Amino acid sequence: MFRAKFLKTAAAYVVTVYASLSISSAIASNEDLVWEIIDASGMVAGMEVAASEGLKAGIAPIAQQLEPLGECGVPVIKALEADIASLMTAFTDKALMETTVELYAEKFSADELRAILEFYKSPVGTKLKELAPEFALAGVEASQTTMMDVMSSFQNKIQETLATTGAEAQQCMASGS
């Protein structure tokens, strides 16, 4: 009786271990496919353009404020560019890319990943890869324009809300309720 129970338990254990190793192996091979997709798609180049343009957009207002300093302001701008550039590397950091890889490997089957990779190896996929930095730049520029348009409305709305609710809050505090 004990032996039969032991053999059933051992067999179940072996099946479980084999299945988990098979799943781990499938995920690992899927991750390899995703790295190939990242390389074939130009994803990193697009991210680098977006980070670079984000850097320029972040520095622009400060650079305008430093314009009256003329050449004396240039070292300050250069130092800020270097500091911010080091922060922007997070966008193309390996940890971020590894998260992308894990997500793709989890959400797509090996067959789907192979189909995506084949697309990026096709003439249309190659063209998309070549255009990825241009598309990223256009996206950054559109985001900046939209943010500029929205920010004034957003600031006005905040001021209106604070004026209305701020007065109500003061009245509430004054009345002690």
Protein backbone atom coordinates (compact mmCIF):
# COMPACT_ATOMS: atom_id res chain seq x y z
CA MET A 1 0.00 0.00 0.00
CA PHE A 2 2.75 2.42 1.00
CA ARG A 3 4.76 1.55 -2.10
CA ALA A 4 1.81 2.18 -4.46
CA LYS A 5 1.11 5.53 -2.79
CA PHE A 6 4.79 6.44 -2.97
CA LEU A 7 4.97 5.57 -6.67
CA LYS A 8 1.86 7.66 -7.44
CA THR A 9 3.31 10.60 -5.51
CA ALA A 10 6.72 10.21 -7.16
CA ALA A 11 5.13 9.98 -10.61
CA ALA A 12 3.06 13.10 -9.95
CA TYR A 13 6.19 14.90 -8.76
CA VAL A 14 8.17 13.91 -11.86
CA VAL A 15 5.33 15.06 -14.13
CA THR A 16 5.07 18.37 -12.27
CA VAL A 17 8.82 19.00 -12.46
CA TYR A 18 8.94 18.06 -16.14
CA ALA A 19 5.98 20.33 -16.91
CA SER A 20 7.51 23.26 -15.04
CA LEU A 21 10.84 22.73 -16.82
CA SER A 22 9.03 22.60 -20.15
CA ILE A 23 7.18 25.84 -19.35
CA SER A 24 10.43 27.51 -18.23
CA SER A 25 12.13 26.34 -21.40
CA ALA A 26 9.26 27.63 -23.55
CA ILE A 27 9.37 31.00 -21.81
CA ALA A 28 13.14 31.16 -22.21
CA SER A 29 12.89 30.41 -25.92
CA ASN A 30 10.06 32.94 -26.22
CA GLU A 31 12.29 35.53 -24.52
CA ASP A 32 15.02 34.79 -27.08
CA LEU A 33 12.47 35.41 -29.84
CA VAL A 34 11.42 38.70 -28.23
CA TRP A 35 15.04 39.89 -28.09
CA GLU A 36 15.23 39.15 -31.82
CA ILE A 37 12.01 41.13 -32.36
CA ILE A 38 13.40 44.08 -30.39
CA ASP A 39 16.51 44.03 -32.55
CA ALA A 40 14.58 43.58 -35.81
CA SER A 41 11.96 46.22 -34.98
CA GLY A 42 14.21 49.17 -34.19
CA MET A 43 12.45 49.56 -30.85
CA VAL A 44 15.63 50.70 -29.07
CA ALA A 45 16.42 53.32 -31.73
CA GLY A 46 12.90 54.72 -31.39
CA MET A 47 13.21 54.83 -27.61
CA GLU A 48 16.58 56.58 -27.87
CA VAL A 49 15.10 59.28 -30.13
CA ALA A 50 12.17 59.76 -27.76
CA ALA A 51 14.53 60.05 -24.77
CA SER A 52 16.82 62.48 -26.61
CA GLU A 53 13.94 64.70 -27.68
CA GLY A 54 12.50 64.54 -24.18
CA LEU A 55 15.87 65.75 -22.93
CA LYS A 56 15.84 68.68 -25.35
CA ALA A 57 12.28 69.58 -24.36
CA GLY A 58 13.20 69.44 -20.68
CA ILE A 59 16.21 71.70 -21.11
CA ALA A 60 14.56 74.26 -23.44
CA PRO A 61 12.77 76.36 -20.76
CA ILE A 62 15.92 76.51 -18.61
CA ALA A 63 18.06 77.41 -21.62
CA GLN A 64 15.68 80.29 -22.38
CA GLN A 65 16.05 81.58 -18.84
CA LEU A 66 19.83 81.42 -19.15
CA GLU A 67 19.96 83.26 -22.51
CA PRO A 68 20.69 86.65 -20.87
CA LEU A 69 23.93 85.13 -19.54
CA GLY A 70 25.16 84.57 -23.09
CA GLU A 71 28.27 82.37 -23.29
CA CYS A 72 28.46 82.29 -19.49
CA GLY A 73 25.26 80.22 -19.38
CA VAL A 74 26.55 77.57 -21.82
CA PRO A 75 28.45 75.54 -19.16
CA VAL A 76 25.32 75.46 -17.00
CA ILE A 77 23.23 74.18 -19.91
CA LYS A 78 25.87 71.56 -20.80
CA ALA A 79 26.01 70.36 -17.19
CA LEU A 80 22.21 70.12 -17.04
CA GLU A 81 22.12 68.24 -20.35
CA ALA A 82 24.64 65.72 -19.00
CA ASP A 83 22.73 65.29 -15.73
CA ILE A 84 19.38 64.84 -17.42
CA ALA A 85 20.85 62.58 -20.12
CA SER A 86 22.07 60.22 -17.41
CA LEU A 87 18.53 60.12 -16.02
CA MET A 88 17.01 59.56 -19.46
CA THR A 89 19.02 56.35 -19.96
CA ALA A 90 16.30 54.69 -17.90
CA PHE A 91 14.18 54.69 -21.07
CA THR A 92 16.60 52.39 -22.86
CA ASP A 93 17.93 50.68 -19.74
CA LYS A 94 18.32 46.93 -19.90
CA ALA A 95 15.88 46.51 -16.98
CA LEU A 96 13.16 48.28 -18.96
CA MET A 97 13.91 46.14 -22.00
CA GLU A 98 13.84 42.98 -19.87
CA THR A 99 10.38 43.94 -18.62
CA THR A 100 9.28 44.35 -22.24
CA VAL A 101 10.75 40.96 -23.08
CA GLU A 102 8.95 39.27 -20.18
CA LEU A 103 5.66 40.89 -21.15
CA TYR A 104 5.91 39.83 -24.80
CA ALA A 105 7.00 36.31 -23.82
CA GLU A 106 4.03 36.04 -21.48
CA LYS A 107 1.41 37.47 -23.85
CA PHE A 108 2.45 35.84 -27.14
CA SER A 109 2.96 32.20 -28.04
CA ALA A 110 6.16 31.09 -29.76
CA ASP A 111 4.27 30.87 -33.08
CA GLU A 112 2.94 34.42 -32.65
CA LEU A 113 6.41 35.70 -31.79
CA ARG A 114 7.83 33.99 -34.88
CA ALA A 115 5.11 35.67 -37.00
CA ILE A 116 6.01 39.08 -35.52
CA LEU A 117 9.69 38.43 -36.20
CA GLU A 118 8.95 37.36 -39.79
CA PHE A 119 7.00 40.58 -40.26
CA TYR A 120 9.97 42.68 -39.12
CA LYS A 121 12.22 40.72 -41.50
CA SER A 122 9.86 41.45 -44.41
CA PRO A 123 10.31 44.53 -46.65
CA VAL A 124 7.42 46.32 -44.89
CA GLY A 125 8.84 45.43 -41.47
CA THR A 126 12.30 46.64 -42.50
CA LYS A 127 10.75 49.91 -43.67
CA LEU A 128 8.92 50.24 -40.35
CA LYS A 129 12.23 49.68 -38.51
CA GLU A 130 13.91 52.38 -40.58
CA LEU A 131 11.05 54.79 -39.86
CA ALA A 132 10.83 53.97 -36.12
CA PRO A 133 13.07 56.88 -35.01
CA GLU A 134 11.15 59.32 -37.24
CA PHE A 135 7.83 58.05 -35.85
CA ALA A 136 9.16 58.35 -32.30
CA LEU A 137 10.25 61.92 -32.96
CA ALA A 138 6.86 62.81 -34.45
CA GLY A 139 5.18 61.26 -31.41
CA VAL A 140 7.34 63.28 -29.02
CA GLU A 141 6.67 66.49 -30.93
CA ALA A 142 2.93 65.83 -31.01
CA SER A 143 2.96 65.08 -27.27
CA GLN A 144 4.82 68.28 -26.54
CA THR A 145 2.41 70.35 -28.64
CA THR A 146 -0.59 68.72 -27.01
CA MET A 147 0.88 69.24 -23.54
CA MET A 148 1.47 72.92 -24.28
CA ASP A 149 -2.13 73.29 -25.49
CA VAL A 150 -3.55 71.40 -22.52
CA MET A 151 -1.37 72.98 -19.82
CA SER A 152 -2.89 76.45 -20.08
CA SER A 153 -6.41 75.00 -19.87
CA PHE A 154 -5.28 72.74 -17.06
CA GLN A 155 -3.75 75.63 -15.11
CA ASN A 156 -6.90 77.74 -15.60
CA LYS A 157 -9.07 74.87 -14.38
CA ILE A 158 -6.88 74.40 -11.30
CA GLN A 159 -7.12 78.11 -10.50
CA GLU A 160 -10.92 78.06 -10.93
CA THR A 161 -11.26 75.00 -8.72
CA LEU A 162 -8.98 76.42 -6.06
CA ALA A 163 -10.84 79.73 -6.11
CA THR A 164 -14.20 78.00 -5.68
CA THR A 165 -13.32 75.18 -3.32
CA GLY A 166 -10.64 77.18 -1.52
CA ALA A 167 -13.20 79.81 -0.54
CA GLU A 168 -15.58 77.04 0.58
CA ALA A 169 -12.81 75.43 2.65
CA GLN A 170 -12.00 78.75 4.32
CA GLN A 171 -15.69 79.30 5.16
CA CYS A 172 -15.90 75.78 6.57
CA MET A 173 -12.85 76.34 8.76
CA ALA A 174 -14.16 79.72 9.93
CA SER A 175 -17.50 78.23 10.95
CA GLY A 176 -15.78 75.39 12.78
CA SER A 177 -17.65 72.59 10.97
